[in-house]
N, C-alpha and C. Protein backbone atom coordinates (compact mmCIF):
# COMPACT_ATOMS: atom_id res chain seq x y z
N UNK A 1 -23.62 45.40 6.58
CA UNK A 1 -24.84 45.39 5.79
C UNK A 1 -24.57 45.81 4.35
N UNK A 2 -23.62 46.66 4.12
CA UNK A 2 -23.31 47.17 2.79
C UNK A 2 -22.97 46.08 1.79
N UNK A 3 -22.19 45.09 2.19
CA UNK A 3 -21.78 44.07 1.23
C UNK A 3 -22.95 43.21 0.75
N UNK A 4 -24.06 43.21 1.43
CA UNK A 4 -25.21 42.43 1.00
C UNK A 4 -26.24 43.26 0.23
N UNK A 5 -26.04 44.56 0.15
CA UNK A 5 -27.04 45.43 -0.47
C UNK A 5 -27.21 45.15 -1.96
N UNK A 6 -26.18 44.66 -2.64
CA UNK A 6 -26.30 44.36 -4.06
C UNK A 6 -27.37 43.30 -4.30
N UNK A 7 -27.53 42.34 -3.40
CA UNK A 7 -28.55 41.31 -3.55
C UNK A 7 -29.93 41.93 -3.61
N UNK A 8 -30.15 42.94 -2.82
CA UNK A 8 -31.44 43.61 -2.79
C UNK A 8 -31.70 44.38 -4.09
N UNK A 9 -30.64 44.76 -4.79
CA UNK A 9 -30.79 45.59 -5.98
C UNK A 9 -30.82 44.81 -7.29
N UNK A 10 -30.87 43.50 -7.24
CA UNK A 10 -30.95 42.73 -8.47
C UNK A 10 -32.32 42.96 -9.11
N UNK A 11 -32.28 43.38 -10.38
CA UNK A 11 -33.55 43.58 -11.08
C UNK A 11 -33.85 42.37 -11.96
N UNK A 12 -34.92 42.45 -12.72
CA UNK A 12 -35.34 41.33 -13.55
C UNK A 12 -34.29 40.96 -14.59
N UNK A 13 -33.60 41.96 -15.16
CA UNK A 13 -32.55 41.67 -16.14
C UNK A 13 -31.43 40.85 -15.50
N UNK A 14 -30.97 41.29 -14.34
CA UNK A 14 -29.92 40.55 -13.63
C UNK A 14 -30.37 39.12 -13.34
N UNK A 15 -31.59 38.96 -12.88
CA UNK A 15 -32.12 37.64 -12.54
C UNK A 15 -32.21 36.75 -13.77
N UNK A 16 -32.62 37.32 -14.91
CA UNK A 16 -32.70 36.54 -16.14
C UNK A 16 -31.31 36.10 -16.60
N UNK A 17 -30.35 37.01 -16.53
CA UNK A 17 -28.97 36.69 -16.90
C UNK A 17 -28.42 35.58 -16.01
N UNK A 18 -28.62 35.72 -14.71
CA UNK A 18 -28.13 34.70 -13.77
C UNK A 18 -28.81 33.36 -14.01
N UNK A 19 -30.09 33.38 -14.31
CA UNK A 19 -30.82 32.14 -14.58
C UNK A 19 -30.25 31.41 -15.78
N UNK A 20 -29.95 32.14 -16.83
CA UNK A 20 -29.39 31.53 -18.04
C UNK A 20 -27.98 31.02 -17.78
N UNK A 21 -27.16 31.81 -17.09
CA UNK A 21 -25.79 31.38 -16.78
C UNK A 21 -25.78 30.18 -15.85
N UNK A 22 -26.76 30.07 -14.98
CA UNK A 22 -26.86 28.92 -14.09
C UNK A 22 -27.11 27.64 -14.89
N UNK A 23 -27.90 27.75 -15.94
CA UNK A 23 -28.18 26.60 -16.81
C UNK A 23 -26.97 26.23 -17.66
N UNK A 24 -26.26 27.25 -18.20
CA UNK A 24 -25.12 27.00 -19.09
C UNK A 24 -24.17 28.19 -19.01
N UNK A 25 -23.15 28.06 -18.18
CA UNK A 25 -22.22 29.17 -17.97
C UNK A 25 -21.26 29.39 -19.14
N UNK A 26 -21.32 28.54 -20.16
CA UNK A 26 -20.43 28.71 -21.31
C UNK A 26 -21.02 29.60 -22.39
N UNK A 27 -22.26 30.03 -22.22
CA UNK A 27 -22.90 30.86 -23.25
C UNK A 27 -22.19 32.20 -23.40
N UNK A 28 -22.08 32.65 -24.63
CA UNK A 28 -21.48 33.96 -24.90
C UNK A 28 -22.50 35.05 -24.60
N UNK A 29 -22.00 36.28 -24.49
CA UNK A 29 -22.91 37.41 -24.27
C UNK A 29 -23.87 37.55 -25.44
N UNK A 30 -23.41 37.20 -26.63
CA UNK A 30 -24.27 37.27 -27.82
C UNK A 30 -25.44 36.30 -27.70
N UNK A 31 -25.17 35.07 -27.27
CA UNK A 31 -26.24 34.07 -27.13
C UNK A 31 -27.19 34.43 -25.99
N UNK A 32 -26.62 34.97 -24.90
CA UNK A 32 -27.48 35.41 -23.79
C UNK A 32 -28.37 36.54 -24.25
N UNK A 33 -27.81 37.45 -25.05
CA UNK A 33 -28.57 38.58 -25.60
C UNK A 33 -29.74 38.09 -26.45
N UNK A 34 -29.48 37.09 -27.30
CA UNK A 34 -30.55 36.55 -28.16
C UNK A 34 -31.64 35.89 -27.33
N UNK A 35 -31.25 35.17 -26.27
CA UNK A 35 -32.23 34.48 -25.43
C UNK A 35 -33.08 35.45 -24.61
N UNK A 36 -32.46 36.55 -24.17
CA UNK A 36 -33.15 37.48 -23.28
C UNK A 36 -33.70 38.72 -23.99
N UNK A 37 -33.20 38.95 -25.21
CA UNK A 37 -33.52 40.17 -25.98
C UNK A 37 -33.05 41.43 -25.24
N UNK A 38 -31.95 41.27 -24.51
CA UNK A 38 -31.28 42.39 -23.84
C UNK A 38 -30.03 42.68 -24.68
N UNK A 39 -29.70 43.96 -24.95
CA UNK A 39 -28.53 44.28 -25.77
C UNK A 39 -27.23 43.67 -25.22
N UNK A 40 -26.34 43.28 -26.14
CA UNK A 40 -25.07 42.64 -25.77
C UNK A 40 -24.28 43.49 -24.79
N UNK A 41 -24.20 44.80 -25.03
CA UNK A 41 -23.42 45.67 -24.14
C UNK A 41 -24.02 45.67 -22.73
N UNK A 42 -25.32 45.62 -22.64
CA UNK A 42 -25.98 45.57 -21.32
C UNK A 42 -25.65 44.25 -20.63
N UNK A 43 -25.71 43.15 -21.39
CA UNK A 43 -25.36 41.82 -20.84
C UNK A 43 -23.93 41.87 -20.30
N UNK A 44 -23.00 42.36 -21.13
CA UNK A 44 -21.59 42.43 -20.72
C UNK A 44 -21.43 43.27 -19.44
N UNK A 45 -22.03 44.45 -19.42
CA UNK A 45 -21.90 45.34 -18.25
C UNK A 45 -22.53 44.73 -17.01
N UNK A 46 -23.67 44.08 -17.18
CA UNK A 46 -24.33 43.45 -16.03
C UNK A 46 -23.47 42.30 -15.47
N UNK A 47 -22.91 41.48 -16.36
CA UNK A 47 -22.07 40.37 -15.91
C UNK A 47 -20.84 40.90 -15.17
N UNK A 48 -20.24 41.96 -15.70
CA UNK A 48 -19.07 42.55 -15.03
C UNK A 48 -19.44 43.07 -13.65
N UNK A 49 -20.61 43.71 -13.53
CA UNK A 49 -21.08 44.21 -12.23
C UNK A 49 -21.32 43.05 -11.26
N UNK A 50 -21.92 41.97 -11.76
CA UNK A 50 -22.18 40.80 -10.91
C UNK A 50 -20.88 40.15 -10.45
N UNK A 51 -19.87 40.15 -11.31
CA UNK A 51 -18.55 39.63 -10.93
C UNK A 51 -17.89 40.54 -9.89
N UNK A 52 -17.95 41.82 -10.13
CA UNK A 52 -17.32 42.79 -9.22
C UNK A 52 -17.88 42.67 -7.80
N UNK A 53 -19.18 42.45 -7.71
CA UNK A 53 -19.84 42.35 -6.40
C UNK A 53 -19.87 40.92 -5.88
N UNK A 54 -19.14 40.01 -6.57
CA UNK A 54 -18.99 38.61 -6.15
C UNK A 54 -20.31 37.84 -6.10
N UNK A 55 -21.31 38.31 -6.86
CA UNK A 55 -22.52 37.52 -7.03
C UNK A 55 -22.15 36.32 -7.90
N UNK A 56 -21.38 36.57 -8.98
CA UNK A 56 -20.79 35.51 -9.79
C UNK A 56 -19.37 35.34 -9.27
N UNK A 57 -19.11 34.21 -8.62
CA UNK A 57 -17.78 33.96 -8.06
C UNK A 57 -16.88 33.23 -9.04
N UNK A 58 -17.45 32.33 -9.83
CA UNK A 58 -16.66 31.59 -10.82
C UNK A 58 -17.63 30.88 -11.76
N UNK A 59 -17.06 30.34 -12.82
CA UNK A 59 -17.83 29.53 -13.76
C UNK A 59 -17.39 28.09 -13.57
N UNK A 60 -18.34 27.17 -13.61
CA UNK A 60 -18.00 25.78 -13.35
C UNK A 60 -18.48 24.87 -14.48
N UNK A 61 -18.00 23.66 -14.44
CA UNK A 61 -18.41 22.62 -15.39
C UNK A 61 -19.28 21.61 -14.68
N UNK A 62 -20.19 21.02 -15.41
CA UNK A 62 -20.99 19.91 -14.90
C UNK A 62 -20.50 18.67 -15.63
N UNK A 63 -19.58 17.95 -14.99
CA UNK A 63 -18.90 16.83 -15.63
C UNK A 63 -19.66 15.53 -15.50
N UNK A 64 -19.46 14.65 -16.47
CA UNK A 64 -19.97 13.29 -16.41
C UNK A 64 -18.86 12.44 -15.79
N UNK A 65 -18.91 12.24 -14.49
CA UNK A 65 -17.85 11.54 -13.78
C UNK A 65 -17.77 10.07 -14.14
N UNK A 66 -18.87 9.49 -14.57
CA UNK A 66 -18.83 8.09 -14.98
C UNK A 66 -17.91 7.92 -16.19
N UNK A 67 -18.02 8.84 -17.15
CA UNK A 67 -17.17 8.78 -18.34
C UNK A 67 -15.72 9.15 -18.02
N UNK A 68 -15.50 9.81 -16.91
CA UNK A 68 -14.14 10.16 -16.48
C UNK A 68 -13.54 9.07 -15.58
N UNK A 69 -14.25 7.96 -15.42
CA UNK A 69 -13.71 6.85 -14.64
C UNK A 69 -13.91 6.98 -13.14
N UNK A 70 -14.87 7.81 -12.73
CA UNK A 70 -15.18 7.94 -11.30
C UNK A 70 -16.69 7.79 -11.07
N UNK A 71 -17.18 6.57 -11.23
CA UNK A 71 -18.63 6.36 -11.14
C UNK A 71 -19.19 6.32 -9.73
N UNK A 72 -18.35 6.21 -8.71
CA UNK A 72 -18.83 6.11 -7.33
C UNK A 72 -18.83 7.50 -6.69
N UNK A 73 -20.00 7.94 -6.26
CA UNK A 73 -20.13 9.20 -5.52
C UNK A 73 -20.62 8.87 -4.12
N UNK A 74 -20.00 9.49 -3.13
CA UNK A 74 -20.42 9.25 -1.74
C UNK A 74 -20.30 10.55 -0.95
N UNK A 75 -21.11 10.65 0.07
CA UNK A 75 -21.04 11.74 1.03
C UNK A 75 -20.56 11.16 2.35
N UNK A 76 -19.57 11.78 2.91
CA UNK A 76 -19.02 11.32 4.19
C UNK A 76 -19.34 12.37 5.25
N UNK A 77 -20.06 11.97 6.28
CA UNK A 77 -20.30 12.84 7.43
C UNK A 77 -19.15 12.59 8.39
N UNK A 78 -18.44 13.65 8.73
CA UNK A 78 -17.23 13.49 9.54
C UNK A 78 -17.33 14.32 10.82
N UNK A 79 -16.96 13.70 11.92
CA UNK A 79 -16.92 14.38 13.21
C UNK A 79 -15.46 14.59 13.60
N UNK A 80 -15.17 15.78 14.10
CA UNK A 80 -13.81 16.18 14.45
C UNK A 80 -13.61 16.12 15.95
N UNK A 81 -12.43 15.69 16.37
CA UNK A 81 -11.99 15.83 17.75
C UNK A 81 -10.86 16.85 17.72
N UNK A 82 -11.12 18.03 18.24
CA UNK A 82 -10.14 19.12 18.14
C UNK A 82 -8.95 18.94 19.08
N UNK A 83 -9.03 18.00 20.00
CA UNK A 83 -7.89 17.69 20.86
C UNK A 83 -7.07 16.58 20.20
N UNK A 84 -5.92 16.95 19.67
CA UNK A 84 -5.10 16.01 18.93
C UNK A 84 -4.40 15.02 19.85
N UNK A 85 -3.93 13.94 19.27
CA UNK A 85 -3.20 12.93 20.06
C UNK A 85 -1.90 13.49 20.61
N UNK A 86 -1.41 14.58 20.02
CA UNK A 86 -0.17 15.21 20.49
C UNK A 86 -0.43 16.10 21.71
N UNK A 87 -1.69 16.27 22.07
CA UNK A 87 -2.03 17.12 23.19
C UNK A 87 -2.35 18.55 22.76
N UNK A 88 -2.09 18.88 21.50
CA UNK A 88 -2.40 20.21 20.97
C UNK A 88 -3.84 20.25 20.48
N UNK A 89 -4.29 21.45 20.14
CA UNK A 89 -5.63 21.62 19.57
C UNK A 89 -5.50 21.94 18.09
N UNK A 90 -6.54 21.62 17.35
CA UNK A 90 -6.59 21.95 15.93
C UNK A 90 -7.94 22.58 15.62
N UNK A 91 -8.10 23.05 14.40
CA UNK A 91 -9.37 23.65 14.00
C UNK A 91 -10.02 22.81 12.90
N UNK A 92 -11.30 22.96 12.76
CA UNK A 92 -12.03 22.28 11.70
C UNK A 92 -11.49 22.71 10.34
N UNK A 93 -11.16 23.99 10.21
CA UNK A 93 -10.65 24.51 8.94
C UNK A 93 -9.34 23.83 8.56
N UNK A 94 -8.47 23.62 9.53
CA UNK A 94 -7.18 22.97 9.28
C UNK A 94 -7.39 21.53 8.79
N UNK A 95 -8.27 20.82 9.44
CA UNK A 95 -8.57 19.44 9.05
C UNK A 95 -9.25 19.42 7.68
N UNK A 96 -10.17 20.34 7.46
CA UNK A 96 -10.89 20.41 6.17
C UNK A 96 -9.91 20.63 5.02
N UNK A 97 -8.93 21.49 5.21
CA UNK A 97 -7.94 21.75 4.15
C UNK A 97 -7.11 20.50 3.84
N UNK A 98 -6.76 19.74 4.87
CA UNK A 98 -6.03 18.48 4.65
C UNK A 98 -6.88 17.51 3.84
N UNK A 99 -8.15 17.42 4.20
CA UNK A 99 -9.05 16.50 3.51
C UNK A 99 -9.27 16.95 2.06
N UNK A 100 -9.47 18.24 1.86
CA UNK A 100 -9.73 18.78 0.52
C UNK A 100 -8.57 18.50 -0.44
N UNK A 101 -7.37 18.35 0.07
CA UNK A 101 -6.20 18.10 -0.77
C UNK A 101 -6.18 16.69 -1.36
N UNK A 102 -7.02 15.80 -0.86
CA UNK A 102 -7.04 14.41 -1.37
C UNK A 102 -7.62 14.39 -2.78
N UNK A 103 -7.04 13.61 -3.64
CA UNK A 103 -7.41 13.61 -5.06
C UNK A 103 -8.85 13.19 -5.34
N UNK A 104 -9.46 12.40 -4.49
CA UNK A 104 -10.83 11.95 -4.74
C UNK A 104 -11.89 12.84 -4.07
N UNK A 105 -11.45 13.82 -3.31
CA UNK A 105 -12.39 14.69 -2.60
C UNK A 105 -12.83 15.83 -3.53
N UNK A 106 -14.14 15.95 -3.66
CA UNK A 106 -14.72 16.99 -4.51
C UNK A 106 -14.97 18.26 -3.69
N UNK A 107 -15.73 18.13 -2.60
CA UNK A 107 -16.02 19.29 -1.75
C UNK A 107 -15.92 18.90 -0.28
N UNK A 108 -15.62 19.90 0.55
CA UNK A 108 -15.63 19.75 2.00
C UNK A 108 -16.39 20.94 2.55
N UNK A 109 -17.47 20.69 3.26
CA UNK A 109 -18.27 21.75 3.86
C UNK A 109 -18.30 21.57 5.37
N UNK A 110 -18.01 22.65 6.08
CA UNK A 110 -18.13 22.65 7.54
C UNK A 110 -19.57 23.04 7.86
N UNK A 111 -20.23 22.21 8.68
CA UNK A 111 -21.66 22.38 8.93
C UNK A 111 -21.98 22.38 10.43
N UNK A 112 -23.21 22.71 10.73
CA UNK A 112 -23.69 22.62 12.11
C UNK A 112 -24.49 21.34 12.27
N UNK A 113 -24.73 20.96 13.50
CA UNK A 113 -25.55 19.79 13.77
C UNK A 113 -24.76 18.66 14.39
N UNK A 114 -25.20 17.44 14.16
CA UNK A 114 -24.59 16.27 14.78
C UNK A 114 -23.24 15.92 14.18
N UNK A 115 -22.90 16.48 13.04
CA UNK A 115 -21.62 16.23 12.38
C UNK A 115 -20.92 17.56 12.15
N UNK A 116 -19.62 17.50 11.91
CA UNK A 116 -18.86 18.74 11.71
C UNK A 116 -18.60 19.07 10.24
N UNK A 117 -18.51 18.04 9.41
CA UNK A 117 -18.22 18.25 7.99
C UNK A 117 -19.02 17.29 7.14
N UNK A 118 -19.32 17.73 5.93
CA UNK A 118 -19.87 16.86 4.90
C UNK A 118 -18.88 16.90 3.75
N UNK A 119 -18.40 15.72 3.37
CA UNK A 119 -17.39 15.60 2.33
C UNK A 119 -18.01 14.85 1.16
N UNK A 120 -17.87 15.42 -0.03
CA UNK A 120 -18.35 14.74 -1.23
C UNK A 120 -17.13 14.17 -1.95
N UNK A 121 -17.18 12.87 -2.22
CA UNK A 121 -16.06 12.21 -2.91
C UNK A 121 -16.57 11.51 -4.16
N UNK A 122 -15.67 11.39 -5.12
CA UNK A 122 -15.95 10.65 -6.36
C UNK A 122 -14.77 9.73 -6.61
N UNK A 123 -15.03 8.44 -6.61
CA UNK A 123 -13.94 7.47 -6.74
C UNK A 123 -14.17 6.55 -7.94
N UNK A 124 -13.11 5.83 -8.28
CA UNK A 124 -13.18 4.91 -9.42
C UNK A 124 -13.73 3.54 -9.03
N UNK A 125 -13.74 3.23 -7.73
CA UNK A 125 -14.22 1.91 -7.30
C UNK A 125 -14.58 1.92 -5.81
N UNK A 126 -15.26 0.88 -5.40
CA UNK A 126 -15.58 0.71 -3.98
C UNK A 126 -14.30 0.49 -3.18
N UNK A 127 -13.33 -0.19 -3.77
CA UNK A 127 -12.05 -0.42 -3.11
C UNK A 127 -11.33 0.88 -2.81
N UNK A 128 -11.37 1.80 -3.76
CA UNK A 128 -10.75 3.11 -3.55
C UNK A 128 -11.48 3.87 -2.46
N UNK A 129 -12.81 3.81 -2.48
CA UNK A 129 -13.59 4.46 -1.43
C UNK A 129 -13.24 3.86 -0.07
N UNK A 130 -13.14 2.56 -0.02
CA UNK A 130 -12.77 1.87 1.22
C UNK A 130 -11.41 2.36 1.73
N UNK A 131 -10.42 2.43 0.85
CA UNK A 131 -9.09 2.91 1.25
C UNK A 131 -9.13 4.36 1.72
N UNK A 132 -9.90 5.18 1.04
CA UNK A 132 -10.04 6.57 1.45
C UNK A 132 -10.58 6.66 2.87
N UNK A 133 -11.59 5.85 3.16
CA UNK A 133 -12.22 5.87 4.48
C UNK A 133 -11.36 5.24 5.57
N UNK A 134 -10.85 4.07 5.29
CA UNK A 134 -10.17 3.29 6.35
C UNK A 134 -8.70 3.62 6.52
N UNK A 135 -8.09 4.20 5.50
CA UNK A 135 -6.66 4.50 5.60
C UNK A 135 -6.39 6.01 5.56
N UNK A 136 -6.78 6.64 4.47
CA UNK A 136 -6.41 8.05 4.27
C UNK A 136 -7.02 8.99 5.31
N UNK A 137 -8.34 8.90 5.50
CA UNK A 137 -8.98 9.79 6.48
C UNK A 137 -8.54 9.47 7.90
N UNK A 138 -8.33 8.22 8.19
CA UNK A 138 -7.94 7.80 9.55
C UNK A 138 -6.53 8.30 9.92
N UNK A 139 -5.70 8.59 8.91
CA UNK A 139 -4.35 9.10 9.16
C UNK A 139 -4.35 10.56 9.62
N UNK A 140 -5.44 11.26 9.37
CA UNK A 140 -5.51 12.68 9.70
C UNK A 140 -5.87 12.84 11.17
N UNK A 141 -4.93 13.39 11.92
CA UNK A 141 -5.14 13.60 13.35
C UNK A 141 -6.28 14.59 13.54
N UNK A 142 -7.23 14.24 14.36
CA UNK A 142 -8.40 15.08 14.61
C UNK A 142 -9.67 14.51 14.02
N UNK A 143 -9.54 13.54 13.10
CA UNK A 143 -10.72 12.87 12.56
C UNK A 143 -11.21 11.88 13.61
N UNK A 144 -12.43 12.09 14.07
CA UNK A 144 -12.97 11.24 15.14
C UNK A 144 -13.76 10.06 14.58
N UNK A 145 -14.81 10.36 13.82
CA UNK A 145 -15.62 9.27 13.25
C UNK A 145 -16.24 9.73 11.94
N UNK A 146 -16.64 8.74 11.14
CA UNK A 146 -17.27 9.03 9.86
C UNK A 146 -18.51 8.18 9.68
N UNK A 147 -19.40 8.68 8.86
CA UNK A 147 -20.56 7.93 8.41
C UNK A 147 -20.66 8.19 6.91
N UNK A 148 -20.75 7.13 6.12
CA UNK A 148 -20.71 7.26 4.67
C UNK A 148 -22.06 6.91 4.05
N UNK A 149 -22.46 7.73 3.09
CA UNK A 149 -23.68 7.49 2.32
C UNK A 149 -23.29 7.44 0.86
N UNK A 150 -23.56 6.32 0.21
CA UNK A 150 -23.22 6.15 -1.20
C UNK A 150 -24.42 6.55 -2.05
N UNK A 151 -24.16 7.35 -3.08
CA UNK A 151 -25.21 7.83 -3.98
C UNK A 151 -25.62 6.69 -4.92
N UNK A 152 -26.90 6.40 -4.96
CA UNK A 152 -27.42 5.38 -5.86
C UNK A 152 -27.77 5.95 -7.23
N UNK A 153 -28.26 7.21 -7.22
CA UNK A 153 -28.67 7.84 -8.48
C UNK A 153 -28.60 9.35 -8.34
N UNK A 154 -28.01 10.02 -9.33
CA UNK A 154 -27.99 11.49 -9.36
C UNK A 154 -29.11 11.95 -10.28
N UNK A 155 -29.89 12.90 -9.81
CA UNK A 155 -31.01 13.42 -10.59
C UNK A 155 -30.61 14.75 -11.23
């Protein structure tokens, strides 16, 4: 219970700082201070506290993948067969790590329900997506079946 207690102690200043960083994580403490009217030293100390308690795990970029030559985004629902063809067993985590290593894979999430994983991929073409599905994923022992959903529009 202790590791979650910091969530309960977030005050309005912390929430305002997190809200601004969620919109633009590249802002300096000075700019956050101007937007919130909270002193720079307080902003700095609060951000350090949020990092220490792993509320802020990392800073990320919101990339324009179309301009980077990867206009195709798809979600792959993947079902695992933990009994390998070799007769051994494997874990979802082991398979997920193999999948995550593929250059077109953005995220791999292990989930509950009718599927075992949701994989987000960004490719340069439908042909590349096809190869990823029919060749690359099929080579991974333990991959049972997939269902692919192609994104038509990102909001």
